[in-house]
Amino acid sequence: AYRSIWCDSGTPWCDESMKGKWVGNDLVFEGDSPLPKEMGGGVMHMVQKFSDIKPGSFTFTIDGGPKGKPMAHMMTIKYARVGK
């Protein structure tokens, strides 16, 4: 089993709700996270994907939205190893 932990300054806790599995060549995490009252409360459904995985690089994307509503693309980050 794969688990994801997300911590940032926008919430007072680290979210451990994401469970991952391989979908083809991509490692995909999906789960629901509670939103703090300052962000409107409710529950956010999230999908995080690690794709185009190579020895020196990969792409990380996040899509999300309020649970039960359409999701939107939130970010794409392309990671690459630099130097030795």
PDB file of N, CA and C in Angstrom:
ATOM      1  N   ALA A   1       0.847  -1.187   0.000  1.00  0.00           N
ATOM      2  CA  ALA A   1       0.000   0.000   0.000  1.00  0.00           C
ATOM      3  C   ALA A   1       0.883   1.238   0.000  1.00  0.00           C
ATOM      4  N   TYR A   2       0.421   2.284  -0.633  1.00  0.00           N
ATOM      5  CA  TYR A   2       1.116   3.566  -0.676  1.00  0.00           C
ATOM      6  C   TYR A   2       0.271   4.593   0.062  1.00  0.00           C
ATOM      7  N   ARG A   3       0.920   5.439   0.848  1.00  0.00           N
ATOM      8  CA  ARG A   3       0.242   6.514   1.565  1.00  0.00           C
ATOM      9  C   ARG A   3       0.955   7.823   1.243  1.00  0.00           C
ATOM     10  N   SER A   4       0.202   8.906   1.241  1.00  0.00           N
ATOM     11  CA  SER A   4       0.764  10.226   0.991  1.00  0.00           C
ATOM     12  C   SER A   4       0.504  11.107   2.208  1.00  0.00           C
ATOM     13  N   ILE A   5       1.473  11.918   2.563  1.00  0.00           N
ATOM     14  CA  ILE A   5       1.302  12.895   3.638  1.00  0.00           C
ATOM     15  C   ILE A   5       1.545  14.277   3.036  1.00  0.00           C
ATOM     16  N   TRP A   6       0.584  15.184   3.206  1.00  0.00           N
ATOM     17  CA  TRP A   6       0.687  16.538   2.675  1.00  0.00           C
ATOM     18  C   TRP A   6       0.659  17.514   3.841  1.00  0.00           C
ATOM     19  N   CYS A   7       1.683  18.343   3.952  1.00  0.00           N
ATOM     20  CA  CYS A   7       1.750  19.381   4.986  1.00  0.00           C
ATOM     21  C   CYS A   7       2.005  20.715   4.303  1.00  0.00           C
ATOM     22  N   ASP A   8       1.259  21.740   4.704  1.00  0.00           N
ATOM     23  CA  ASP A   8       1.540  23.091   4.216  1.00  0.00           C
ATOM     24  C   ASP A   8       1.056  24.106   5.237  1.00  0.00           C
ATOM     25  N   SER A   9       1.349  25.361   4.991  1.00  0.00           N
ATOM     26  CA  SER A   9       1.004  26.413   5.946  1.00  0.00           C
ATOM     27  C   SER A   9      -0.464  26.821   5.876  1.00  0.00           C
ATOM     28  N   GLY A  10      -1.227  26.270   4.931  1.00  0.00           N
ATOM     29  CA  GLY A  10      -2.637  26.627   4.789  1.00  0.00           C
ATOM     30  C   GLY A  10      -3.556  25.892   5.745  1.00  0.00           C
ATOM     31  N   THR A  11      -3.071  24.837   6.382  1.00  0.00           N
ATOM     32  CA  THR A  11      -3.888  24.080   7.328  1.00  0.00           C
ATOM     33  C   THR A  11      -3.076  23.830   8.597  1.00  0.00           C
ATOM     34  N   PRO A  12      -3.757  23.668   9.718  1.00  0.00           N
ATOM     35  CA  PRO A  12      -3.029  23.457  10.976  1.00  0.00           C
ATOM     36  C   PRO A  12      -2.624  21.996  11.212  1.00  0.00           C
ATOM     37  N   TRP A  13      -2.741  21.145  10.209  1.00  0.00           N
ATOM     38  CA  TRP A  13      -2.401  19.737  10.365  1.00  0.00           C
ATOM     39  C   TRP A  13      -1.797  19.198   9.077  1.00  0.00           C
ATOM     40  N   CYS A  14      -1.251  18.000   9.161  1.00  0.00           N
ATOM     41  CA  CYS A  14      -0.779  17.300   7.974  1.00  0.00           C
ATOM     42  C   CYS A  14      -1.834  16.273   7.585  1.00  0.00           C
ATOM     43  N   ASP A  15      -2.162  16.214   6.312  1.00  0.00           N
ATOM     44  CA  ASP A  15      -3.206  15.327   5.817  1.00  0.00           C
ATOM     45  C   ASP A  15      -2.601  13.991   5.418  1.00  0.00           C
ATOM     46  N   GLU A  16      -3.117  12.915   5.985  1.00  0.00           N
ATOM     47  CA  GLU A  16      -2.643  11.564   5.681  1.00  0.00           C
ATOM     48  C   GLU A  16      -3.733  10.718   5.033  1.00  0.00           C
ATOM     49  N   SER A  17      -4.727  11.346   4.400  1.00  0.00           N
ATOM     50  CA  SER A  17      -5.885  10.608   3.890  1.00  0.00           C
ATOM     51  C   SER A  17      -5.679   9.977   2.516  1.00  0.00           C
ATOM     52  N   MET A  18      -4.605  10.318   1.832  1.00  0.00           N
ATOM     53  CA  MET A  18      -4.425   9.863   0.450  1.00  0.00           C
ATOM     54  C   MET A  18      -3.866   8.442   0.391  1.00  0.00           C
ATOM     55  N   LYS A  19      -4.535   7.593  -0.379  1.00  0.00           N
ATOM     56  CA  LYS A  19      -4.065   6.225  -0.612  1.00  0.00           C
ATOM     57  C   LYS A  19      -3.671   6.112  -2.073  1.00  0.00           C
ATOM     58  N   GLY A  20      -2.562   5.412  -2.334  1.00  0.00           N
ATOM     59  CA  GLY A  20      -2.048   5.352  -3.693  1.00  0.00           C
ATOM     60  C   GLY A  20      -2.005   3.964  -4.273  1.00  0.00           C
ATOM     61  N   LYS A  21      -1.997   3.923  -5.610  1.00  0.00           N
ATOM     62  CA  LYS A  21      -1.846   2.676  -6.346  1.00  0.00           C
ATOM     63  C   LYS A  21      -1.274   3.000  -7.715  1.00  0.00           C
ATOM     64  N   TRP A  22      -0.664   1.992  -8.311  1.00  0.00           N
ATOM     65  CA  TRP A  22      -0.139   2.151  -9.671  1.00  0.00           C
ATOM     66  C   TRP A  22      -1.284   2.014 -10.658  1.00  0.00           C
ATOM     67  N   VAL A  23      -1.382   2.986 -11.567  1.00  0.00           N
ATOM     68  CA  VAL A  23      -2.337   2.961 -12.673  1.00  0.00           C
ATOM     69  C   VAL A  23      -1.488   3.056 -13.929  1.00  0.00           C
ATOM     70  N   GLY A  24      -1.238   1.916 -14.560  1.00  0.00           N
ATOM     71  CA  GLY A  24      -0.293   1.893 -15.672  1.00  0.00           C
ATOM     72  C   GLY A  24       1.087   2.249 -15.155  1.00  0.00           C
ATOM     73  N   ASN A  25       1.718   3.265 -15.750  1.00  0.00           N
ATOM     74  CA  ASN A  25       3.044   3.712 -15.328  1.00  0.00           C
ATOM     75  C   ASN A  25       3.003   4.865 -14.334  1.00  0.00           C
ATOM     76  N   ASP A  26       1.808   5.270 -13.890  1.00  0.00           N
ATOM     77  CA  ASP A  26       1.657   6.411 -12.984  1.00  0.00           C
ATOM     78  C   ASP A  26       1.333   5.928 -11.570  1.00  0.00           C
ATOM     79  N   LEU A  27       1.879   6.622 -10.570  1.00  0.00           N
ATOM     80  CA  LEU A  27       1.528   6.371  -9.178  1.00  0.00           C
ATOM     81  C   LEU A  27       0.487   7.424  -8.808  1.00  0.00           C
ATOM     82  N   VAL A  28      -0.756   6.975  -8.516  1.00  0.00           N
ATOM     83  CA  VAL A  28      -1.889   7.880  -8.319  1.00  0.00           C
ATOM     84  C   VAL A  28      -2.414   7.758  -6.892  1.00  0.00           C
ATOM     85  N   PHE A  29      -2.525   8.914  -6.216  1.00  0.00           N
ATOM     86  CA  PHE A  29      -3.071   8.983  -4.862  1.00  0.00           C
ATOM     87  C   PHE A  29      -4.415   9.696  -4.925  1.00  0.00           C
ATOM     88  N   GLU A  30      -5.382   9.194  -4.145  1.00  0.00           N
ATOM     89  CA  GLU A  30      -6.712   9.802  -4.156  1.00  0.00           C
ATOM     90  C   GLU A  30      -7.291   9.751  -2.749  1.00  0.00           C
ATOM     91  N   GLY A  31      -8.007  10.806  -2.368  1.00  0.00           N
ATOM     92  CA  GLY A  31      -8.634  10.818  -1.052  1.00  0.00           C
ATOM     93  C   GLY A  31      -9.407  12.099  -0.799  1.00  0.00           C
ATOM     94  N   ASP A  32     -10.085  12.128   0.344  1.00  0.00           N
ATOM     95  CA  ASP A  32     -10.880  13.270   0.771  1.00  0.00           C
ATOM     96  C   ASP A  32     -10.240  13.892   1.994  1.00  0.00           C
ATOM     97  N   SER A  33     -10.177  15.220   2.025  1.00  0.00           N
ATOM     98  CA  SER A  33      -9.564  15.956   3.127  1.00  0.00           C
ATOM     99  C   SER A  33     -10.544  16.993   3.667  1.00  0.00           C
ATOM    100  N   PRO A  34     -10.633  17.101   4.997  1.00  0.00           N
ATOM    101  CA  PRO A  34     -11.477  18.168   5.560  1.00  0.00           C
ATOM    102  C   PRO A  34     -10.821  19.525   5.325  1.00  0.00           C
ATOM    103  N   LEU A  35     -11.636  20.516   5.033  1.00  0.00           N
ATOM    104  CA  LEU A  35     -11.132  21.886   4.870  1.00  0.00           C
ATOM    105  C   LEU A  35     -11.356  22.665   6.157  1.00  0.00           C
ATOM    106  N   PRO A  36     -10.386  23.505   6.555  1.00  0.00           N
ATOM    107  CA  PRO A  36     -10.597  24.321   7.749  1.00  0.00           C
ATOM    108  C   PRO A  36     -11.710  25.342   7.530  1.00  0.00           C
ATOM    109  N   LYS A  37     -12.296  25.812   8.606  1.00  0.00           N
ATOM    110  CA  LYS A  37     -13.387  26.788   8.525  1.00  0.00           C
ATOM    111  C   LYS A  37     -12.976  28.034   7.757  1.00  0.00           C
ATOM    112  N   GLU A  38     -11.698  28.436   7.901  1.00  0.00           N
ATOM    113  CA  GLU A  38     -11.207  29.634   7.206  1.00  0.00           C
ATOM    114  C   GLU A  38     -11.255  29.462   5.689  1.00  0.00           C
ATOM    115  N   MET A  39     -11.277  28.209   5.223  1.00  0.00           N
ATOM    116  CA  MET A  39     -11.321  27.939   3.787  1.00  0.00           C
ATOM    117  C   MET A  39     -12.718  27.497   3.351  1.00  0.00           C
ATOM    118  N   GLY A  40     -13.714  27.739   4.198  1.00  0.00           N
ATOM    119  CA  GLY A  40     -15.097  27.425   3.839  1.00  0.00           C
ATOM    120  C   GLY A  40     -15.607  26.114   4.400  1.00  0.00           C
ATOM    121  N   GLY A  41     -14.756  25.344   5.082  1.00  0.00           N
ATOM    122  CA  GLY A  41     -15.179  24.061   5.637  1.00  0.00           C
ATOM    123  C   GLY A  41     -15.502  23.061   4.543  1.00  0.00           C
ATOM    124  N   GLY A  42     -16.149  21.990   4.904  1.00  0.00           N
ATOM    125  CA  GLY A  42     -16.508  20.958   3.937  1.00  0.00           C
ATOM    126  C   GLY A  42     -15.372  19.982   3.707  1.00  0.00           C
ATOM    127  N   VAL A  43     -15.465  19.273   2.595  1.00  0.00           N
ATOM    128  CA  VAL A  43     -14.496  18.231   2.255  1.00  0.00           C
ATOM    129  C   VAL A  43     -13.991  18.454   0.837  1.00  0.00           C
ATOM    130  N   MET A  44     -12.687  18.347   0.652  1.00  0.00           N
ATOM    131  CA  MET A  44     -12.040  18.487  -0.654  1.00  0.00           C
ATOM    132  C   MET A  44     -11.627  17.105  -1.141  1.00  0.00           C
ATOM    133  N   HIS A  45     -12.027  16.746  -2.362  1.00  0.00           N
ATOM    134  CA  HIS A  45     -11.584  15.495  -2.975  1.00  0.00           C
ATOM    135  C   HIS A  45     -10.344  15.811  -3.814  1.00  0.00           C
ATOM    136  N   MET A  46      -9.277  15.051  -3.613  1.00  0.00           N
ATOM    137  CA  MET A  46      -8.006  15.335  -4.272  1.00  0.00           C
ATOM    138  C   MET A  46      -7.478  14.112  -5.009  1.00  0.00           C
ATOM    139  N   VAL A  47      -6.785  14.355  -6.122  1.00  0.00           N
ATOM    140  CA  VAL A  47      -6.043  13.324  -6.853  1.00  0.00           C
ATOM    141  C   VAL A  47      -4.649  13.880  -7.109  1.00  0.00           C
ATOM    142  N   GLN A  48      -3.629  13.162  -6.618  1.00  0.00           N
ATOM    143  CA  GLN A  48      -2.226  13.516  -6.866  1.00  0.00           C
ATOM    144  C   GLN A  48      -1.637  12.431  -7.755  1.00  0.00           C
ATOM    145  N   LYS A  49      -0.890  12.847  -8.786  1.00  0.00           N
ATOM    146  CA  LYS A  49      -0.337  11.854  -9.717  1.00  0.00           C
ATOM    147  C   LYS A  49       1.138  12.115  -9.970  1.00  0.00           C
ATOM    148  N   PHE A  50       1.937  11.055  -9.849  1.00  0.00           N
ATOM    149  CA  PHE A  50       3.345  11.066 -10.229  1.00  0.00           C
ATOM    150  C   PHE A  50       3.421  10.348 -11.578  1.00  0.00           C
ATOM    151  N   SER A  51       3.826  11.063 -12.617  1.00  0.00           N
ATOM    152  CA  SER A  51       3.839  10.483 -13.965  1.00  0.00           C
ATOM    153  C   SER A  51       5.169  10.778 -14.654  1.00  0.00           C
ATOM    154  N   ASP A  52       5.336  10.201 -15.841  1.00  0.00           N
ATOM    155  CA  ASP A  52       6.554  10.387 -16.634  1.00  0.00           C
ATOM    156  C   ASP A  52       7.796  10.141 -15.766  1.00  0.00           C
ATOM    157  N   ILE A  53       7.730   9.060 -14.976  1.00  0.00           N
ATOM    158  CA  ILE A  53       8.789   8.746 -14.013  1.00  0.00           C
ATOM    159  C   ILE A  53      10.000   8.163 -14.728  1.00  0.00           C
ATOM    160  N   LYS A  54      11.135   8.832 -14.537  1.00  0.00           N
ATOM    161  CA  LYS A  54      12.410   8.408 -15.129  1.00  0.00           C
ATOM    162  C   LYS A  54      13.469   8.450 -14.040  1.00  0.00           C
ATOM    163  N   PRO A  55      14.660   7.892 -14.262  1.00  0.00           N
ATOM    164  CA  PRO A  55      15.693   7.918 -13.214  1.00  0.00           C
ATOM    165  C   PRO A  55      16.032   9.318 -12.704  1.00  0.00           C
ATOM    166  N   GLY A  56      15.944  10.342 -13.546  1.00  0.00           N
ATOM    167  CA  GLY A  56      16.331  11.684 -13.118  1.00  0.00           C
ATOM    168  C   GLY A  56      15.213  12.705 -13.103  1.00  0.00           C
ATOM    169  N   SER A  57      13.954  12.266 -13.284  1.00  0.00           N
ATOM    170  CA  SER A  57      12.878  13.255 -13.324  1.00  0.00           C
ATOM    171  C   SER A  57      11.509  12.586 -13.181  1.00  0.00           C
ATOM    172  N   PHE A  58      10.505  13.405 -12.849  1.00  0.00           N
ATOM    173  CA  PHE A  58       9.111  12.968 -12.856  1.00  0.00           C
ATOM    174  C   PHE A  58       8.236  14.210 -12.853  1.00  0.00           C
ATOM    175  N   THR A  59       6.959  14.031 -13.145  1.00  0.00           N
ATOM    176  CA  THR A  59       5.979  15.114 -13.129  1.00  0.00           C
ATOM    177  C   THR A  59       4.960  14.821 -12.038  1.00  0.00           C
ATOM    178  N   PHE A  60       4.626  15.837 -11.246  1.00  0.00           N
ATOM    179  CA  PHE A  60       3.666  15.720 -10.154  1.00  0.00           C
ATOM    180  C   PHE A  60       2.502  16.660 -10.437  1.00  0.00           C
ATOM    181  N   THR A  61       1.269  16.149 -10.425  1.00  0.00           N
ATOM    182  CA  THR A  61       0.088  16.985 -10.655  1.00  0.00           C
ATOM    183  C   THR A  61      -0.916  16.782  -9.526  1.00  0.00           C
ATOM    184  N   ILE A  62      -1.707  17.815  -9.275  1.00  0.00           N
ATOM    185  CA  ILE A  62      -2.796  17.741  -8.298  1.00  0.00           C
ATOM    186  C   ILE A  62      -4.057  18.303  -8.943  1.00  0.00           C
ATOM    187  N   ASP A  63      -5.143  17.549  -8.834  1.00  0.00           N
ATOM    188  CA  ASP A  63      -6.478  17.997  -9.218  1.00  0.00           C
ATOM    189  C   ASP A  63      -7.345  17.895  -7.973  1.00  0.00           C
ATOM    190  N   GLY A  64      -8.327  18.774  -7.843  1.00  0.00           N
ATOM    191  CA  GLY A  64      -9.187  18.696  -6.675  1.00  0.00           C
ATOM    192  C   GLY A  64     -10.400  19.577  -6.797  1.00  0.00           C
ATOM    193  N   GLY A  65     -11.297  19.386  -5.845  1.00  0.00           N
ATOM    194  CA  GLY A  65     -12.501  20.197  -5.781  1.00  0.00           C
ATOM    195  C   GLY A  65     -13.362  19.731  -4.625  1.00  0.00           C
ATOM    196  N   PRO A  66     -14.393  20.520  -4.299  1.00  0.00           N
ATOM    197  CA  PRO A  66     -15.293  20.119  -3.235  1.00  0.00           C
ATOM    198  C   PRO A  66     -15.897  18.744  -3.554  1.00  0.00           C
ATOM    199  N   LYS A  67     -15.971  17.886  -2.539  1.00  0.00           N
ATOM    200  CA  LYS A  67     -16.472  16.524  -2.741  1.00  0.00           C
ATOM    201  C   LYS A  67     -17.848  16.567  -3.391  1.00  0.00           C
ATOM    202  N   GLY A  68     -18.020  15.762  -4.430  1.00  0.00           N
ATOM    203  CA  GLY A  68     -19.290  15.682  -5.132  1.00  0.00           C
ATOM    204  C   GLY A  68     -19.458  16.700  -6.240  1.00  0.00           C
ATOM    205  N   LYS A  69     -18.465  17.566  -6.450  1.00  0.00           N
ATOM    206  CA  LYS A  69     -18.534  18.577  -7.507  1.00  0.00           C
ATOM    207  C   LYS A  69     -17.383  18.345  -8.476  1.00  0.00           C
ATOM    208  N   PRO A  70     -17.422  18.961  -9.668  1.00  0.00           N
ATOM    209  CA  PRO A  70     -16.331  18.768 -10.629  1.00  0.00           C
ATOM    210  C   PRO A  70     -14.976  19.187 -10.054  1.00  0.00           C
ATOM    211  N   MET A  71     -13.951  18.434 -10.427  1.00  0.00           N
ATOM    212  CA  MET A  71     -12.591  18.748  -9.985  1.00  0.00           C
ATOM    213  C   MET A  71     -11.935  19.680 -10.991  1.00  0.00           C
ATOM    214  N   ALA A  72     -10.950  20.438 -10.508  1.00  0.00           N
ATOM    215  CA  ALA A  72     -10.183  21.345 -11.358  1.00  0.00           C
ATOM    216  C   ALA A  72      -8.702  21.021 -11.204  1.00  0.00           C
ATOM    217  N   HIS A  73      -7.936  21.287 -12.250  1.00  0.00           N
ATOM    218  CA  HIS A  73      -6.485  21.125 -12.170  1.00  0.00           C
ATOM    219  C   HIS A  73      -5.933  22.229 -11.286  1.00  0.00           C
ATOM    220  N   MET A  74      -5.109  21.846 -10.292  1.00  0.00           N
ATOM    221  CA  MET A  74      -4.604  22.823  -9.336  1.00  0.00           C
ATOM    222  C   MET A  74      -3.134  23.165  -9.547  1.00  0.00           C
ATOM    223  N   MET A  75      -2.309  22.172  -9.889  1.00  0.00           N
ATOM    224  CA  MET A  75      -0.896  22.474 -10.114  1.00  0.00           C
ATOM    225  C   MET A  75      -0.202  21.342 -10.848  1.00  0.00           C
ATOM    226  N   THR A  76       0.880  21.704 -11.527  1.00  0.00           N
ATOM    227  CA  THR A  76       1.801  20.750 -12.151  1.00  0.00           C
ATOM    228  C   THR A  76       3.206  21.191 -11.782  1.00  0.00           C
ATOM    229  N   ILE A  77       4.001  20.235 -11.289  1.00  0.00           N
ATOM    230  CA  ILE A  77       5.397  20.516 -10.960  1.00  0.00           C
ATOM    231  C   ILE A  77       6.244  19.468 -11.674  1.00  0.00           C
ATOM    232  N   LYS A  78       7.245  19.913 -12.435  1.00  0.00           N
ATOM    233  CA  LYS A  78       8.171  19.007 -13.101  1.00  0.00           C
ATOM    234  C   LYS A  78       9.471  19.003 -12.330  1.00  0.00           C
ATOM    235  N   TYR A  79       9.791  17.851 -11.795  1.00  0.00           N
ATOM    236  CA  TYR A  79      11.022  17.702 -11.005  1.00  0.00           C
ATOM    237  C   TYR A  79      12.106  17.115 -11.885  1.00  0.00           C
ATOM    238  N   ALA A  80      13.348  17.599 -11.710  1.00  0.00           N
ATOM    239  CA  ALA A  80      14.496  17.058 -12.448  1.00  0.00           C
ATOM    240  C   ALA A  80      15.729  17.101 -11.564  1.00  0.00           C
ATOM    241  N   ARG A  81      16.497  16.058 -11.600  1.00  0.00           N
ATOM    242  CA  ARG A  81      17.755  16.002 -10.849  1.00  0.00           C
ATOM    243  C   ARG A  81      18.766  16.916 -11.532  1.00  0.00           C
ATOM    244  N   VAL A  82      19.470  17.705 -10.735  1.00  0.00           N
ATOM    245  CA  VAL A  82      20.486  18.590 -11.284  1.00  0.00           C
ATOM    246  C   VAL A  82      21.823  18.250 -10.623  1.00  0.00           C
ATOM    247  N   GLY A  83      22.847  18.243 -11.395  1.00  0.00           N
ATOM    248  CA  GLY A  83      24.178  17.921 -10.857  1.00  0.00           C
ATOM    249  C   GLY A  83      24.284  16.469 -10.446  1.00  0.00           C
ATOM    250  N   LYS A  84      25.263  16.188  -9.573  1.00  0.00           N
ATOM    251  CA  LYS A  84      25.473  14.796  -9.150  1.00  0.00           C
ATOM    252  C   LYS A  84      24.677  14.484  -7.952  1.00  0.00           C
TER     253      LYS A  84
END
